[in-house]
PDB file of all heavy atoms in Angstrom:
ATOM      1  N   VAL A   1      94.438  92.294  81.540  1.00  0.00           N
ATOM      2  CA  VAL A   1      95.614  92.457  80.676  1.00  0.00           C
ATOM      3  C   VAL A   1      96.791  91.696  81.278  1.00  0.00           C
ATOM      4  O   VAL A   1      97.127  91.899  82.456  1.00  0.00           O
ATOM      5  CB  VAL A   1      95.979  93.946  80.504  1.00  0.00           C
ATOM      6  CG1 VAL A   1      97.217  94.103  79.619  1.00  0.00           C
ATOM      7  CG2 VAL A   1      94.804  94.720  79.920  1.00  0.00           C
ATOM      8  N   PHE A   2      97.404  90.853  80.469  1.00  0.00           N
ATOM      9  CA  PHE A   2      98.565  90.102  80.939  1.00  0.00           C
ATOM     10  C   PHE A   2      99.768  91.037  81.043  1.00  0.00           C
ATOM     11  O   PHE A   2     100.039  91.831  80.136  1.00  0.00           O
ATOM     12  CB  PHE A   2      98.881  88.960  79.979  1.00  0.00           C
ATOM     13  CG  PHE A   2     100.045  88.106  80.413  1.00  0.00           C
ATOM     14  CD1 PHE A   2      99.896  87.157  81.407  1.00  0.00           C
ATOM     15  CD2 PHE A   2     101.297  88.267  79.828  1.00  0.00           C
ATOM     16  CE1 PHE A   2     100.965  86.379  81.817  1.00  0.00           C
ATOM     17  CE2 PHE A   2     102.372  87.492  80.222  1.00  0.00           C
ATOM     18  CZ  PHE A   2     102.210  86.543  81.223  1.00  0.00           C
ATOM     19  N   ILE A   3     100.512  90.915  82.158  1.00  0.00           N
ATOM     20  CA  ILE A   3     101.705  91.735  82.366  1.00  0.00           C
ATOM     21  C   ILE A   3     102.972  90.883  82.244  1.00  0.00           C
ATOM     22  O   ILE A   3     103.808  91.122  81.379  1.00  0.00           O
ATOM     23  CB  ILE A   3     101.657  92.418  83.741  1.00  0.00           C
ATOM     24  CG1 ILE A   3     100.397  93.308  83.858  1.00  0.00           C
ATOM     25  CG2 ILE A   3     102.918  93.275  83.947  1.00  0.00           C
ATOM     26  CD1 ILE A   3     100.283  94.403  82.812  1.00  0.00           C
ATOM     27  N   ALA A   4     103.122  89.879  83.090  1.00  0.00           N
ATOM     28  CA  ALA A   4     104.318  89.027  83.059  1.00  0.00           C
ATOM     29  C   ALA A   4     104.101  87.832  83.970  1.00  0.00           C
ATOM     30  O   ALA A   4     103.355  87.915  84.959  1.00  0.00           O
ATOM     31  CB  ALA A   4     105.546  89.811  83.521  1.00  0.00           C
ATOM     32  N   ASP A   5     104.773  86.728  83.663  1.00  0.00           N
ATOM     33  CA  ASP A   5     104.705  85.502  84.460  1.00  0.00           C
ATOM     34  C   ASP A   5     103.251  85.115  84.718  1.00  0.00           C
ATOM     35  O   ASP A   5     102.562  84.668  83.816  1.00  0.00           O
ATOM     36  CB  ASP A   5     105.499  85.677  85.750  1.00  0.00           C
ATOM     37  CG  ASP A   5     105.659  84.372  86.516  1.00  0.00           C
ATOM     38  OD1 ASP A   5     105.462  83.305  85.905  1.00  0.00           O
ATOM     39  OD2 ASP A   5     105.962  84.414  87.721  1.00  0.00           O
ATOM     40  N   ASN A   6     102.750  85.304  85.958  1.00  0.00           N
ATOM     41  CA  ASN A   6     101.345  85.007  86.259  1.00  0.00           C
ATOM     42  C   ASN A   6     100.626  86.233  86.806  1.00  0.00           C
ATOM     43  O   ASN A   6      99.683  86.122  87.585  1.00  0.00           O
ATOM     44  CB  ASN A   6     101.247  83.843  87.252  1.00  0.00           C
ATOM     45  CG  ASN A   6     101.759  84.223  88.640  1.00  0.00           C
ATOM     46  OD1 ASN A   6     102.476  85.203  88.800  1.00  0.00           O
ATOM     47  ND2 ASN A   6     101.397  83.450  89.639  1.00  0.00           N
ATOM     48  N   ILE A   7     101.067  87.430  86.390  1.00  0.00           N
ATOM     49  CA  ILE A   7     100.524  88.695  86.897  1.00  0.00           C
ATOM     50  C   ILE A   7      99.674  89.374  85.820  1.00  0.00           C
ATOM     51  O   ILE A   7     100.073  89.446  84.657  1.00  0.00           O
ATOM     52  CB  ILE A   7     101.648  89.657  87.328  1.00  0.00           C
ATOM     53  CG1 ILE A   7     102.614  88.958  88.283  1.00  0.00           C
ATOM     54  CG2 ILE A   7     101.063  90.907  87.959  1.00  0.00           C
ATOM     55  CD1 ILE A   7     102.018  88.557  89.598  1.00  0.00           C
ATOM     56  N   VAL A   8      98.514  89.899  86.224  1.00  0.00           N
ATOM     57  CA  VAL A   8      97.634  90.618  85.305  1.00  0.00           C
ATOM     58  C   VAL A   8      97.271  91.977  85.890  1.00  0.00           C
ATOM     59  O   VAL A   8      97.328  92.195  87.104  1.00  0.00           O
ATOM     60  CB  VAL A   8      96.343  89.821  85.012  1.00  0.00           C
ATOM     61  CG1 VAL A   8      96.660  88.520  84.293  1.00  0.00           C
ATOM     62  CG2 VAL A   8      95.553  89.548  86.295  1.00  0.00           C
ATOM     63  N   TYR A   9      96.904  92.877  84.997  1.00  0.00           N
ATOM     64  CA  TYR A   9      96.346  94.195  85.352  1.00  0.00           C
ATOM     65  C   TYR A   9      94.840  94.051  85.239  1.00  0.00           C
ATOM     66  O   TYR A   9      94.318  93.652  84.194  1.00  0.00           O
ATOM     67  CB  TYR A   9      96.877  95.231  84.381  1.00  0.00           C
ATOM     68  CG  TYR A   9      96.403  96.664  84.586  1.00  0.00           C
ATOM     69  CD1 TYR A   9      97.241  97.600  85.186  1.00  0.00           C
ATOM     70  CD2 TYR A   9      95.157  97.090  84.136  1.00  0.00           C
ATOM     71  CE1 TYR A   9      96.839  98.929  85.344  1.00  0.00           C
ATOM     72  CE2 TYR A   9      94.748  98.413  84.295  1.00  0.00           C
ATOM     73  CZ  TYR A   9      95.596  99.320  84.896  1.00  0.00           C
ATOM     74  OH  TYR A   9      95.192 100.634  85.046  1.00  0.00           O
ATOM     75  N   THR A  10      94.102  94.390  86.310  1.00  0.00           N
ATOM     76  CA  THR A  10      92.675  94.085  86.320  1.00  0.00           C
ATOM     77  C   THR A  10      91.870  95.123  87.087  1.00  0.00           C
ATOM     78  O   THR A  10      92.372  95.766  88.012  1.00  0.00           O
ATOM     79  CB  THR A  10      92.445  92.691  86.946  1.00  0.00           C
ATOM     80  OG1 THR A  10      91.056  92.364  86.949  1.00  0.00           O
ATOM     81  CG2 THR A  10      92.958  92.637  88.384  1.00  0.00           C
ATOM     82  N   LYS A  11      90.625  95.287  86.691  1.00  0.00           N
ATOM     83  CA  LYS A  11      89.623  96.024  87.470  1.00  0.00           C
ATOM     84  C   LYS A  11      88.441  95.083  87.614  1.00  0.00           C
ATOM     85  O   LYS A  11      87.779  94.751  86.622  1.00  0.00           O
ATOM     86  CB  LYS A  11      89.199  97.322  86.790  1.00  0.00           C
ATOM     87  CG  LYS A  11      88.335  98.208  87.685  1.00  0.00           C
ATOM     88  CD  LYS A  11      87.980  99.518  86.995  1.00  0.00           C
ATOM     89  CE  LYS A  11      87.363 100.510  87.962  1.00  0.00           C
ATOM     90  NZ  LYS A  11      86.136 100.024  88.617  1.00  0.00           N
ATOM     91  N   ASN A  12      88.171  94.635  88.817  1.00  0.00           N
ATOM     92  CA  ASN A  12      87.277  93.501  89.001  1.00  0.00           C
ATOM     93  C   ASN A  12      85.797  93.837  89.021  1.00  0.00           C
ATOM     94  O   ASN A  12      84.966  92.937  89.109  1.00  0.00           O
ATOM     95  CB  ASN A  12      87.669  92.741  90.270  1.00  0.00           C
ATOM     96  CG  ASN A  12      89.015  92.060  90.118  1.00  0.00           C
ATOM     97  OD1 ASN A  12      89.537  91.926  89.015  1.00  0.00           O
ATOM     98  ND2 ASN A  12      89.593  91.636  91.225  1.00  0.00           N
ATOM     99  N   SER A  13      85.460  95.102  88.945  1.00  0.00           N
ATOM    100  CA  SER A  13      84.064  95.501  88.756  1.00  0.00           C
ATOM    101  C   SER A  13      84.037  96.973  88.395  1.00  0.00           C
ATOM    102  O   SER A  13      85.059  97.664  88.467  1.00  0.00           O
ATOM    103  CB  SER A  13      83.223  95.255  90.018  1.00  0.00           C
ATOM    104  OG  SER A  13      83.400  96.289  90.959  1.00  0.00           O
ATOM    105  N   ALA A  14      82.862  97.472  88.030  1.00  0.00           N
ATOM    106  CA  ALA A  14      82.721  98.880  87.665  1.00  0.00           C
ATOM    107  C   ALA A  14      82.519  99.770  88.888  1.00  0.00           C
ATOM    108  O   ALA A  14      82.470 100.992  88.761  1.00  0.00           O
ATOM    109  CB  ALA A  14      81.546  99.048  86.697  1.00  0.00           C
ATOM    110  N   GLN A  15      82.433  99.176  90.075  1.00  0.00           N
ATOM    111  CA  GLN A  15      82.165  99.950  91.279  1.00  0.00           C
ATOM    112  C   GLN A  15      83.327 100.884  91.630  1.00  0.00           C
ATOM    113  O   GLN A  15      84.503 100.532  91.429  1.00  0.00           O
ATOM    114  CB  GLN A  15      81.901  99.010  92.457  1.00  0.00           C
ATOM    115  CG  GLN A  15      80.671  98.151  92.299  1.00  0.00           C
ATOM    116  CD  GLN A  15      79.409  98.983  92.206  1.00  0.00           C
ATOM    117  OE1 GLN A  15      79.251  99.989  92.925  1.00  0.00           O
ATOM    118  NE2 GLN A  15      78.505  98.588  91.330  1.00  0.00           N
ATOM    119  N   PRO A  16      83.034 102.083  92.157  1.00  0.00           N
ATOM    120  CA  PRO A  16      84.106 103.013  92.547  1.00  0.00           C
ATOM    121  C   PRO A  16      85.029 102.440  93.622  1.00  0.00           C
ATOM    122  O   PRO A  16      86.179 102.861  93.728  1.00  0.00           O
ATOM    123  CB  PRO A  16      83.348 104.236  93.076  1.00  0.00           C
ATOM    124  CG  PRO A  16      81.996 104.151  92.454  1.00  0.00           C
ATOM    125  CD  PRO A  16      81.696 102.695  92.316  1.00  0.00           C
ATOM    126  N   MET A  17      84.527 101.493  94.426  1.00  0.00           N
ATOM    127  CA  MET A  17      85.352 100.915  95.482  1.00  0.00           C
ATOM    128  C   MET A  17      86.309  99.855  94.950  1.00  0.00           C
ATOM    129  O   MET A  17      87.047  99.245  95.717  1.00  0.00           O
ATOM    130  CB  MET A  17      84.468 100.315  96.579  1.00  0.00           C
ATOM    131  CG  MET A  17      83.773 101.353  97.427  1.00  0.00           C
ATOM    132  SD  MET A  17      83.057 100.692  98.947  1.00  0.00           S
ATOM    133  CE  MET A  17      81.826  99.576  98.299  1.00  0.00           C
ATOM    134  N   GLU A  18      86.314  99.649  93.638  1.00  0.00           N
ATOM    135  CA  GLU A  18      87.187  98.648  93.015  1.00  0.00           C
ATOM    136  C   GLU A  18      88.272  99.369  92.221  1.00  0.00           C
ATOM    137  O   GLU A  18      87.994  99.984  91.198  1.00  0.00           O
ATOM    138  CB  GLU A  18      86.369  97.758  92.095  1.00  0.00           C
ATOM    139  CG  GLU A  18      87.069  96.481  91.696  1.00  0.00           C
ATOM    140  CD  GLU A  18      87.019  95.437  92.780  1.00  0.00           C
ATOM    141  OE1 GLU A  18      85.925  95.171  93.315  1.00  0.00           O
ATOM    142  OE2 GLU A  18      88.085  94.879  93.085  1.00  0.00           O
ATOM    143  N   PRO A  19      89.532  99.321  92.658  1.00  0.00           N
ATOM    144  CA  PRO A  19      90.602 100.009  91.924  1.00  0.00           C
ATOM    145  C   PRO A  19      91.154  99.141  90.801  1.00  0.00           C
ATOM    146  O   PRO A  19      90.944  97.930  90.764  1.00  0.00           O
ATOM    147  CB  PRO A  19      91.663 100.212  92.997  1.00  0.00           C
ATOM    148  CG  PRO A  19      91.518  98.989  93.864  1.00  0.00           C
ATOM    149  CD  PRO A  19      90.034  98.680  93.874  1.00  0.00           C
ATOM    150  N   CYS A  20      91.863  99.749  89.882  1.00  0.00           N
ATOM    151  CA  CYS A  20      92.704  98.984  88.966  1.00  0.00           C
ATOM    152  C   CYS A  20      93.910  98.508  89.767  1.00  0.00           C
ATOM    153  O   CYS A  20      94.485  99.281  90.535  1.00  0.00           O
ATOM    154  CB  CYS A  20      93.165  99.860  87.798  1.00  0.00           C
ATOM    155  SG  CYS A  20      91.834 100.341  86.676  1.00  0.00           S
ATOM    156  N   MET A  21      94.269  97.253  89.614  1.00  0.00           N
ATOM    157  CA  MET A  21      95.354  96.708  90.433  1.00  0.00           C
ATOM    158  C   MET A  21      96.000  95.515  89.748  1.00  0.00           C
ATOM    159  O   MET A  21      95.562  95.082  88.668  1.00  0.00           O
ATOM    160  CB  MET A  21      94.826  96.313  91.811  1.00  0.00           C
ATOM    161  CG  MET A  21      93.732  95.267  91.794  1.00  0.00           C
ATOM    162  SD  MET A  21      93.087  94.981  93.462  1.00  0.00           S
ATOM    163  CE  MET A  21      91.923  93.655  93.139  1.00  0.00           C
ATOM    164  N   LEU A  22      97.042  95.000  90.364  1.00  0.00           N
ATOM    165  CA  LEU A  22      97.751  93.830  89.871  1.00  0.00           C
ATOM    166  C   LEU A  22      97.388  92.632  90.735  1.00  0.00           C
ATOM    167  O   LEU A  22      97.304  92.744  91.964  1.00  0.00           O
ATOM    168  CB  LEU A  22      99.263  94.060  89.905  1.00  0.00           C
ATOM    169  CG  LEU A  22      99.775  95.259  89.100  1.00  0.00           C
ATOM    170  CD1 LEU A  22     101.283  95.431  89.327  1.00  0.00           C
ATOM    171  CD2 LEU A  22      99.482  95.084  87.614  1.00  0.00           C
ATOM    172  N   MET A  23      97.182  91.486  90.082  1.00  0.00           N
ATOM    173  CA  MET A  23      96.851  90.251  90.795  1.00  0.00           C
ATOM    174  C   MET A  23      97.541  89.079  90.120  1.00  0.00           C
ATOM    175  O   MET A  23      97.879  89.142  88.937  1.00  0.00           O
ATOM    176  CB  MET A  23      95.334  89.992  90.799  1.00  0.00           C
ATOM    177  CG  MET A  23      94.502  90.946  91.608  1.00  0.00           C
ATOM    178  SD  MET A  23      92.742  90.464  91.619  1.00  0.00           S
ATOM    179  CE  MET A  23      92.780  88.992  92.667  1.00  0.00           C
ATOM    180  N   THR A  24      97.697  87.994  90.876  1.00  0.00           N
ATOM    181  CA  THR A  24      98.151  86.756  90.253  1.00  0.00           C
ATOM    182  C   THR A  24      96.959  86.085  89.579  1.00  0.00           C
ATOM    183  O   THR A  24      95.810  86.256  90.007  1.00  0.00           O
ATOM    184  CB  THR A  24      98.768  85.789  91.268  1.00  0.00           C
ATOM    185  OG1 THR A  24      97.747  85.319  92.157  1.00  0.00           O
ATOM    186  CG2 THR A  24      99.874  86.466  92.070  1.00  0.00           C
ATOM    187  N   ILE A  25      97.231  85.310  88.561  1.00  0.00           N
ATOM    188  CA  ILE A  25      96.148  84.612  87.862  1.00  0.00           C
ATOM    189  C   ILE A  25      95.432  83.635  88.781  1.00  0.00           C
ATOM    190  O   ILE A  25      94.183  83.567  88.767  1.00  0.00           O
ATOM    191  CB  ILE A  25      96.692  83.927  86.597  1.00  0.00           C
ATOM    192  CG1 ILE A  25      97.097  84.996  85.572  1.00  0.00           C
ATOM    193  CG2 ILE A  25      95.664  82.972  86.004  1.00  0.00           C
ATOM    194  CD1 ILE A  25      97.745  84.445  84.310  1.00  0.00           C
ATOM    195  N   PRO A  26      96.124  82.836  89.614  1.00  0.00           N
ATOM    196  CA  PRO A  26      95.395  81.960  90.537  1.00  0.00           C
ATOM    197  C   PRO A  26      94.449  82.720  91.466  1.00  0.00           C
ATOM    198  O   PRO A  26      93.311  82.279  91.702  1.00  0.00           O
ATOM    199  CB  PRO A  26      96.510  81.255  91.316  1.00  0.00           C
ATOM    200  CG  PRO A  26      97.670  81.244  90.380  1.00  0.00           C
ATOM    201  CD  PRO A  26      97.586  82.559  89.657  1.00  0.00           C
ATOM    202  N   ASP A  27      94.905  83.859  92.016  1.00  0.00           N
ATOM    203  CA  ASP A  27      94.028  84.645  92.893  1.00  0.00           C
ATOM    204  C   ASP A  27      92.839  85.203  92.114  1.00  0.00           C
ATOM    205  O   ASP A  27      91.715  85.285  92.637  1.00  0.00           O
ATOM    206  CB  ASP A  27      94.798  85.791  93.543  1.00  0.00           C
ATOM    207  CG  ASP A  27      95.707  85.319  94.659  1.00  0.00           C
ATOM    208  OD1 ASP A  27      95.577  84.146  95.074  1.00  0.00           O
ATOM    209  OD2 ASP A  27      96.556  86.106  95.126  1.00  0.00           O
ATOM    210  N   LEU A  28      93.071  85.595  90.868  1.00  0.00           N
ATOM    211  CA  LEU A  28      91.985  86.122  90.040  1.00  0.00           C
ATOM    212  C   LEU A  28      90.940  85.034  89.779  1.00  0.00           C
ATOM    213  O   LEU A  28      89.728  85.283  89.873  1.00  0.00           O
ATOM    214  CB  LEU A  28      92.551  86.640  88.721  1.00  0.00           C
ATOM    215  CG  LEU A  28      91.575  87.396  87.827  1.00  0.00           C
ATOM    216  CD1 LEU A  28      91.347  88.806  88.371  1.00  0.00           C
ATOM    217  CD2 LEU A  28      92.097  87.482  86.399  1.00  0.00           C
ATOM    218  N   ILE A  29      91.388  83.833  89.462  1.00  0.00           N
ATOM    219  CA  ILE A  29      90.460  82.728  89.210  1.00  0.00           C
ATOM    220  C   ILE A  29      89.662  82.412  90.472  1.00  0.00           C
ATOM    221  O   ILE A  29      88.444  82.198  90.417  1.00  0.00           O
ATOM    222  CB  ILE A  29      91.223  81.497  88.704  1.00  0.00           C
ATOM    223  CG1 ILE A  29      91.774  81.754  87.303  1.00  0.00           C
ATOM    224  CG2 ILE A  29      90.319  80.265  88.693  1.00  0.00           C
ATOM    225  CD1 ILE A  29      92.630  80.633  86.760  1.00  0.00           C
ATOM    226  N   ASP A  30      90.338  82.383  91.630  1.00  0.00           N
ATOM    227  CA  ASP A  30      89.622  82.134  92.884  1.00  0.00           C
ATOM    228  C   ASP A  30      88.545  83.191  93.119  1.00  0.00           C
ATOM    229  O   ASP A  30      87.430  82.889  93.551  1.00  0.00           O
ATOM    230  CB  ASP A  30      90.597  82.125  94.063  1.00  0.00           C
ATOM    231  CG  ASP A  30      91.479  80.894  94.075  1.00  0.00           C
ATOM    232  OD1 ASP A  30      91.159  79.919  93.364  1.00  0.00           O
ATOM    233  OD2 ASP A  30      92.504  80.907  94.791  1.00  0.00           O
ATOM    234  N   THR A  31      88.885  84.453  92.836  1.00  0.00           N
ATOM    235  CA  THR A  31      87.940  85.543  93.053  1.00  0.00           C
ATOM    236  C   THR A  31      86.699  85.385  92.185  1.00  0.00           C
ATOM    237  O   THR A  31      85.563  85.488  92.665  1.00  0.00           O
ATOM    238  CB  THR A  31      88.611  86.898  92.757  1.00  0.00           C
ATOM    239  OG1 THR A  31      89.670  87.109  93.694  1.00  0.00           O
ATOM    240  CG2 THR A  31      87.611  88.034  92.860  1.00  0.00           C
ATOM    241  N   PHE A  32      86.887  85.117  90.900  1.00  0.00           N
ATOM    242  CA  PHE A  32      85.734  85.051  89.995  1.00  0.00           C
ATOM    243  C   PHE A  32      85.042  83.693  90.018  1.00  0.00           C
ATOM    244  O   PHE A  32      83.929  83.568  89.490  1.00  0.00           O
ATOM    245  CB  PHE A  32      86.159  85.451  88.579  1.00  0.00           C
ATOM    246  CG  PHE A  32      86.271  86.935  88.426  1.00  0.00           C
ATOM    247  CD1 PHE A  32      87.463  87.584  88.671  1.00  0.00           C
ATOM    248  CD2 PHE A  32      85.156  87.705  88.109  1.00  0.00           C
ATOM    249  CE1 PHE A  32      87.566  88.956  88.575  1.00  0.00           C
ATOM    250  CE2 PHE A  32      85.242  89.079  88.004  1.00  0.00           C
ATOM    251  CZ  PHE A  32      86.444  89.712  88.236  1.00  0.00           C
ATOM    252  N   SER A  33      85.644  82.722  90.640  1.00  0.00           N
ATOM    253  CA  SER A  33      84.937  81.465  90.862  1.00  0.00           C
ATOM    254  C   SER A  33      83.781  81.664  91.842  1.00  0.00           C
ATOM    255  O   SER A  33      82.886  80.823  91.930  1.00  0.00           O
ATOM    256  CB  SER A  33      85.903  80.398  91.396  1.00  0.00           C
ATOM    257  OG  SER A  33      86.844  80.036  90.405  1.00  0.00           O
ATOM    258  N   SER A  34      83.807  82.789  92.569  1.00  0.00           N
ATOM    259  CA  SER A  34      82.701  83.094  93.484  1.00  0.00           C
ATOM    260  C   SER A  34      81.412  83.373  92.736  1.00  0.00           C
ATOM    261  O   SER A  34      80.325  83.342  93.325  1.00  0.00           O
ATOM    262  CB  SER A  34      83.065  84.304  94.354  1.00  0.00           C
ATOM    263  OG  SER A  34      83.168  85.485  93.560  1.00  0.00           O
ATOM    264  N   LEU A  35      81.510  83.661  91.430  1.00  0.00           N
ATOM    265  CA  LEU A  35      80.319  84.008  90.649  1.00  0.00           C
ATOM    266  C   LEU A  35      79.708  82.811  89.942  1.00  0.00           C
ATOM    267  O   LEU A  35      78.690  82.948  89.267  1.00  0.00           O
ATOM    268  CB  LEU A  35      80.687  85.079  89.605  1.00  0.00           C
ATOM    269  CG  LEU A  35      81.289  86.373  90.146  1.00  0.00           C
ATOM    270  CD1 LEU A  35      81.597  87.322  88.990  1.00  0.00           C
ATOM    271  CD2 LEU A  35      80.353  87.033  91.148  1.00  0.00           C
TER     272      LEU A  35
END
């Protein structure tokens, strides 16, 4: 979910060890480029 500027609200997997959190779009792209 887009929040503002380059910040999104995200949950990066269904695992319990993954919280809902805020990230920058560049960091999010880097993270999912691992897949």
